[in-house]
Amino acid sequence: MTKLKKGFIHIYTGNGKGKTTAALGLALRAAGAGLKSYIAQFMKEYPYSELNSLKILSDFITIEQFCGDEFVYKKQLPDAIEIKKASEGLETAKSKMLSENYDLIILDEVLVSIYFKLLTVEQIMEFINMKPATVELILTGRYCPEVLYEKADLVTEMQERKHYYSRGITSRKGIES
């Protein structure tokens, strides 16, 4: 079985489109090399299209969703139930990371989860500090706290220069959802 000799920490952040897409692309590439990925999606309880396509690769990629984002649209802070679901999701991801069954661990939208107070920087720092040497760890989401940049080996900031949302185009199935 293929294993990584050294795992690095990636951050995909910024206001531009493509953070989740980049992380999913990395999982797809890893699957092609025989590596296994675990993806924990935060603030995404919607049936995004990637859930359907990743079923085909379920021998190599496992994906789970934890906590929703309705509070954002309501312009409220998350309630205790959503905070608990996020913390439980992070604990699940931690057990997957420490299981030695996965080569890549992707915490999708975990950074924006900090911003919206579902998770804390301290929880993420603890998670990072527990990363085994051979696991690749990918964190995605807007509003990355500065302190996490220091822990990362690779930081990509997606910058929006132009987006059709500003013309009133809504999320399209298969492209944004």
C-alpha atoms as a PDB file:
ATOM      1  CA  MET A   1       0.000   0.000   0.000  1.00  0.00           C
ATOM      2  CA  THR A   2       1.220   3.500  -0.851  1.00  0.00           C
ATOM      3  CA  LYS A   3       2.011   5.714   2.135  1.00  0.00           C
ATOM      4  CA  LEU A   4       3.383   9.212   2.426  1.00  0.00           C
ATOM      5  CA  LYS A   5       6.872   9.518   3.893  1.00  0.00           C
ATOM      6  CA  LYS A   6       6.149  13.053   5.107  1.00  0.00           C
ATOM      7  CA  GLY A   7       2.817  14.828   5.450  1.00  0.00           C
ATOM      8  CA  PHE A   8       2.451  18.594   5.220  1.00  0.00           C
ATOM      9  CA  ILE A   9      -0.166  21.115   6.304  1.00  0.00           C
ATOM     10  CA  HIS A  10      -2.063  23.042   3.610  1.00  0.00           C
ATOM     11  CA  ILE A  11      -4.349  26.050   4.032  1.00  0.00           C
ATOM     12  CA  TYR A  12      -6.702  27.094   1.226  1.00  0.00           C
ATOM     13  CA  THR A  13      -8.322  30.388   2.203  1.00  0.00           C
ATOM     14  CA  GLY A  14      -9.464  33.761   0.868  1.00  0.00           C
ATOM     15  CA  ASN A  15     -12.663  35.219  -0.546  1.00  0.00           C
ATOM     16  CA  GLY A  16     -12.330  33.662  -3.990  1.00  0.00           C
ATOM     17  CA  LYS A  17     -14.012  30.525  -5.312  1.00  0.00           C
ATOM     18  CA  GLY A  18     -12.129  27.245  -5.326  1.00  0.00           C
ATOM     19  CA  LYS A  19     -11.029  26.340  -1.796  1.00  0.00           C
ATOM     20  CA  THR A  20     -13.180  23.225  -1.455  1.00  0.00           C
ATOM     21  CA  THR A  21     -12.631  22.415  -5.122  1.00  0.00           C
ATOM     22  CA  ALA A  22      -8.849  22.450  -4.614  1.00  0.00           C
ATOM     23  CA  ALA A  23      -9.125  20.167  -1.575  1.00  0.00           C
ATOM     24  CA  LEU A  24     -11.429  17.750  -3.401  1.00  0.00           C
ATOM     25  CA  GLY A  25      -9.051  17.754  -6.368  1.00  0.00           C
ATOM     26  CA  LEU A  26      -6.203  16.801  -4.051  1.00  0.00           C
ATOM     27  CA  ALA A  27      -8.275  13.899  -2.652  1.00  0.00           C
ATOM     28  CA  LEU A  28      -9.037  12.793  -6.215  1.00  0.00           C
ATOM     29  CA  ARG A  29      -5.347  12.893  -7.145  1.00  0.00           C
ATOM     30  CA  ALA A  30      -4.423  11.015  -3.962  1.00  0.00           C
ATOM     31  CA  ALA A  31      -7.000   8.306  -4.752  1.00  0.00           C
ATOM     32  CA  GLY A  32      -5.357   7.841  -8.140  1.00  0.00           C
ATOM     33  CA  ALA A  33      -2.103   7.111  -6.314  1.00  0.00           C
ATOM     34  CA  GLY A  34      -3.758   4.637  -3.932  1.00  0.00           C
ATOM     35  CA  LEU A  35      -3.880   7.024  -0.965  1.00  0.00           C
ATOM     36  CA  LYS A  36      -6.922   7.272   1.290  1.00  0.00           C
ATOM     37  CA  SER A  37      -8.593  10.536   2.258  1.00  0.00           C
ATOM     38  CA  TYR A  38     -11.034  11.490   4.983  1.00  0.00           C
ATOM     39  CA  ILE A  39     -13.024  14.688   4.429  1.00  0.00           C
ATOM     40  CA  ALA A  40     -14.930  16.388   7.244  1.00  0.00           C
ATOM     41  CA  GLN A  41     -17.171  19.161   5.926  1.00  0.00           C
ATOM     42  CA  PHE A  42     -18.243  21.821   8.407  1.00  0.00           C
ATOM     43  CA  MET A  43     -21.189  24.183   7.869  1.00  0.00           C
ATOM     44  CA  LYS A  44     -22.373  22.015   4.980  1.00  0.00           C
ATOM     45  CA  GLU A  45     -25.443  19.906   5.689  1.00  0.00           C
ATOM     46  CA  TYR A  46     -26.738  20.528   2.175  1.00  0.00           C
ATOM     47  CA  PRO A  47     -26.515  17.589  -0.276  1.00  0.00           C
ATOM     48  CA  TYR A  48     -23.672  19.044  -2.352  1.00  0.00           C
ATOM     49  CA  SER A  49     -23.003  17.255  -5.643  1.00  0.00           C
ATOM     50  CA  GLU A  50     -19.552  16.041  -4.592  1.00  0.00           C
ATOM     51  CA  LEU A  51     -21.271  13.629  -2.184  1.00  0.00           C
ATOM     52  CA  ASN A  52     -22.711  11.758  -5.184  1.00  0.00           C
ATOM     53  CA  SER A  53     -19.473  11.517  -7.140  1.00  0.00           C
ATOM     54  CA  LEU A  54     -17.371  10.575  -4.116  1.00  0.00           C
ATOM     55  CA  LYS A  55     -19.564   7.494  -3.579  1.00  0.00           C
ATOM     56  CA  ILE A  56     -17.848   6.073  -6.663  1.00  0.00           C
ATOM     57  CA  LEU A  57     -14.477   6.478  -4.952  1.00  0.00           C
ATOM     58  CA  SER A  58     -15.624   5.318  -1.512  1.00  0.00           C
ATOM     59  CA  ASP A  59     -12.778   2.785  -1.303  1.00  0.00           C
ATOM     60  CA  PHE A  60     -10.385   5.746  -1.246  1.00  0.00           C
ATOM     61  CA  ILE A  61     -12.360   8.782  -0.074  1.00  0.00           C
ATOM     62  CA  THR A  62     -14.653   9.022   2.942  1.00  0.00           C
ATOM     63  CA  ILE A  63     -16.705  12.197   3.398  1.00  0.00           C
ATOM     64  CA  GLU A  64     -18.926  13.265   6.281  1.00  0.00           C
ATOM     65  CA  GLN A  65     -20.795  16.492   7.010  1.00  0.00           C
ATOM     66  CA  PHE A  66     -21.019  18.129  10.422  1.00  0.00           C
ATOM     67  CA  CYS A  67     -23.194  21.116  11.390  1.00  0.00           C
ATOM     68  CA  GLY A  68     -25.144  23.508   9.237  1.00  0.00           C
ATOM     69  CA  ASP A  69     -24.928  27.181   8.349  1.00  0.00           C
ATOM     70  CA  GLU A  70     -28.522  28.430   8.605  1.00  0.00           C
ATOM     71  CA  PHE A  71     -27.499  30.782  11.414  1.00  0.00           C
ATOM     72  CA  VAL A  72     -25.367  32.723   8.902  1.00  0.00           C
ATOM     73  CA  TYR A  73     -28.394  33.565   6.748  1.00  0.00           C
ATOM     74  CA  LYS A  74     -30.345  34.513   9.855  1.00  0.00           C
ATOM     75  CA  LYS A  75     -27.435  36.798  10.877  1.00  0.00           C
ATOM     76  CA  GLN A  76     -27.130  35.055  14.237  1.00  0.00           C
ATOM     77  CA  LEU A  77     -24.412  33.224  16.090  1.00  0.00           C
ATOM     78  CA  PRO A  78     -24.710  29.423  16.052  1.00  0.00           C
ATOM     79  CA  ASP A  79     -26.704  27.794  18.837  1.00  0.00           C
ATOM     80  CA  ALA A  80     -25.336  25.209  21.277  1.00  0.00           C
ATOM     81  CA  ILE A  81     -26.584  22.327  19.102  1.00  0.00           C
ATOM     82  CA  GLU A  82     -24.572  23.469  16.065  1.00  0.00           C
ATOM     83  CA  ILE A  83     -21.485  24.125  18.210  1.00  0.00           C
ATOM     84  CA  LYS A  84     -21.770  20.615  19.660  1.00  0.00           C
ATOM     85  CA  LYS A  85     -22.134  19.077  16.176  1.00  0.00           C
ATOM     86  CA  ALA A  86     -19.005  20.942  15.009  1.00  0.00           C
ATOM     87  CA  SER A  87     -16.975  19.819  18.047  1.00  0.00           C
ATOM     88  CA  GLU A  88     -18.136  16.228  17.615  1.00  0.00           C
ATOM     89  CA  GLY A  89     -17.201  16.437  13.927  1.00  0.00           C
ATOM     90  CA  LEU A  90     -13.720  17.629  14.823  1.00  0.00           C
ATOM     91  CA  GLU A  91     -13.368  14.768  17.319  1.00  0.00           C
ATOM     92  CA  THR A  92     -14.486  12.297  14.628  1.00  0.00           C
ATOM     93  CA  ALA A  93     -11.906  13.740  12.219  1.00  0.00           C
ATOM     94  CA  LYS A  94      -9.243  13.494  14.927  1.00  0.00           C
ATOM     95  CA  SER A  95      -9.990   9.803  15.493  1.00  0.00           C
ATOM     96  CA  LYS A  96      -9.829   9.201  11.726  1.00  0.00           C
ATOM     97  CA  MET A  97      -6.495  11.057  11.551  1.00  0.00           C
ATOM     98  CA  LEU A  98      -5.017   9.019  14.409  1.00  0.00           C
ATOM     99  CA  SER A  99      -6.391   5.696  13.107  1.00  0.00           C
ATOM    100  CA  GLU A 100      -3.556   5.265  10.572  1.00  0.00           C
ATOM    101  CA  ASN A 101      -6.214   4.382   7.963  1.00  0.00           C
ATOM    102  CA  TYR A 102      -6.014   7.722   6.112  1.00  0.00           C
ATOM    103  CA  ASP A 103      -3.195   9.522   4.354  1.00  0.00           C
ATOM    104  CA  LEU A 104      -5.019  12.831   3.831  1.00  0.00           C
ATOM    105  CA  ILE A 105      -7.322  14.558   6.277  1.00  0.00           C
ATOM    106  CA  ILE A 106      -9.354  17.452   4.870  1.00  0.00           C
ATOM    107  CA  LEU A 107     -11.197  19.803   7.217  1.00  0.00           C
ATOM    108  CA  ASP A 108     -13.402  21.613   4.724  1.00  0.00           C
ATOM    109  CA  GLU A 109     -14.703  25.025   5.860  1.00  0.00           C
ATOM    110  CA  VAL A 110     -13.047  24.592   9.236  1.00  0.00           C
ATOM    111  CA  LEU A 111     -11.474  28.055   9.035  1.00  0.00           C
ATOM    112  CA  VAL A 112     -14.768  29.872   8.517  1.00  0.00           C
ATOM    113  CA  SER A 113     -16.147  27.711  11.339  1.00  0.00           C
ATOM    114  CA  ILE A 114     -13.690  29.458  13.646  1.00  0.00           C
ATOM    115  CA  TYR A 115     -14.845  32.846  12.376  1.00  0.00           C
ATOM    116  CA  PHE A 116     -18.484  31.970  13.144  1.00  0.00           C
ATOM    117  CA  LYS A 117     -17.559  30.603  16.589  1.00  0.00           C
ATOM    118  CA  LEU A 118     -18.469  26.971  15.950  1.00  0.00           C
ATOM    119  CA  LEU A 119     -14.902  25.987  16.777  1.00  0.00           C
ATOM    120  CA  THR A 120     -11.976  27.753  18.433  1.00  0.00           C
ATOM    121  CA  VAL A 121      -8.447  28.412  17.249  1.00  0.00           C
ATOM    122  CA  GLU A 122      -7.286  26.411  20.255  1.00  0.00           C
ATOM    123  CA  GLN A 123      -9.253  23.347  19.119  1.00  0.00           C
ATOM    124  CA  ILE A 124      -7.681  23.579  15.642  1.00  0.00           C
ATOM    125  CA  MET A 125      -4.181  24.120  17.043  1.00  0.00           C
ATOM    126  CA  GLU A 126      -4.612  21.023  19.217  1.00  0.00           C
ATOM    127  CA  PHE A 127      -5.776  19.075  16.148  1.00  0.00           C
ATOM    128  CA  ILE A 128      -2.756  20.243  14.116  1.00  0.00           C
ATOM    129  CA  ASN A 129      -0.354  19.410  16.943  1.00  0.00           C
ATOM    130  CA  MET A 130      -1.689  15.833  17.031  1.00  0.00           C
ATOM    131  CA  LYS A 131      -1.108  15.279  13.293  1.00  0.00           C
ATOM    132  CA  PRO A 132       1.013  12.195  12.655  1.00  0.00           C
ATOM    133  CA  ALA A 133       4.154  12.885  10.616  1.00  0.00           C
ATOM    134  CA  THR A 134       2.932  10.912   7.590  1.00  0.00           C
ATOM    135  CA  VAL A 135      -0.547  12.507   7.335  1.00  0.00           C
ATOM    136  CA  GLU A 136      -1.255  15.360   4.915  1.00  0.00           C
ATOM    137  CA  LEU A 137      -3.651  17.851   6.548  1.00  0.00           C
ATOM    138  CA  ILE A 138      -5.718  20.323   4.527  1.00  0.00           C
ATOM    139  CA  LEU A 139      -7.720  23.165   6.104  1.00  0.00           C
ATOM    140  CA  THR A 140     -10.116  25.219   3.977  1.00  0.00           C
ATOM    141  CA  GLY A 141     -12.320  28.246   4.459  1.00  0.00           C
ATOM    142  CA  ARG A 142     -12.418  32.013   4.532  1.00  0.00           C
ATOM    143  CA  TYR A 143     -11.043  34.161   7.352  1.00  0.00           C
ATOM    144  CA  CYS A 144      -8.021  32.096   8.340  1.00  0.00           C
ATOM    145  CA  PRO A 145      -6.614  33.264  11.689  1.00  0.00           C
ATOM    146  CA  GLU A 146      -3.062  34.583  11.317  1.00  0.00           C
ATOM    147  CA  VAL A 147      -1.669  32.136  13.896  1.00  0.00           C
ATOM    148  CA  LEU A 148      -2.601  29.180  11.676  1.00  0.00           C
ATOM    149  CA  TYR A 149      -0.485  30.511   8.792  1.00  0.00           C
ATOM    150  CA  GLU A 150       2.564  29.916  10.956  1.00  0.00           C
ATOM    151  CA  LYS A 151       1.676  26.229  11.394  1.00  0.00           C
ATOM    152  CA  ALA A 152       1.111  25.633   7.675  1.00  0.00           C
ATOM    153  CA  ASP A 153       3.655  24.439   5.137  1.00  0.00           C
ATOM    154  CA  LEU A 154       1.586  25.644   2.172  1.00  0.00           C
ATOM    155  CA  VAL A 155      -0.874  28.548   2.081  1.00  0.00           C
ATOM    156  CA  THR A 156      -2.949  29.384  -0.968  1.00  0.00           C
ATOM    157  CA  GLU A 157      -5.184  32.420  -0.843  1.00  0.00           C
ATOM    158  CA  MET A 158      -7.996  32.463  -3.383  1.00  0.00           C
ATOM    159  CA  GLN A 159      -8.626  36.047  -4.414  1.00  0.00           C
ATOM    160  CA  GLU A 160     -11.893  37.075  -6.033  1.00  0.00           C
ATOM    161  CA  ARG A 161     -11.369  39.474  -8.907  1.00  0.00           C
ATOM    162  CA  LYS A 162     -14.711  38.929 -10.557  1.00  0.00           C
ATOM    163  CA  HIS A 163     -17.696  36.704  -9.781  1.00  0.00           C
ATOM    164  CA  TYR A 164     -21.037  36.242 -11.487  1.00  0.00           C
ATOM    165  CA  TYR A 165     -22.767  36.296  -8.074  1.00  0.00           C
ATOM    166  CA  SER A 166     -22.445  40.088  -8.244  1.00  0.00           C
ATOM    167  CA  ARG A 167     -24.690  39.948 -11.353  1.00  0.00           C
ATOM    168  CA  GLY A 168     -27.373  38.080  -9.406  1.00  0.00           C
ATOM    169  CA  ILE A 169     -26.414  34.568 -10.579  1.00  0.00           C
ATOM    170  CA  THR A 170     -27.184  32.109  -7.793  1.00  0.00           C
ATOM    171  CA  SER A 171     -25.461  28.853  -6.876  1.00  0.00           C
ATOM    172  CA  ARG A 172     -25.691  26.297  -9.705  1.00  0.00           C
ATOM    173  CA  LYS A 173     -25.933  22.541  -9.118  1.00  0.00           C
ATOM    174  CA  GLY A 174     -22.751  20.831 -10.219  1.00  0.00           C
ATOM    175  CA  ILE A 175     -20.712  24.059 -10.199  1.00  0.00           C
ATOM    176  CA  GLU A 176     -21.171  25.681  -6.781  1.00  0.00           C
ATOM    177  CA  SER A 177     -23.366  23.091  -5.077  1.00  0.00           C
END
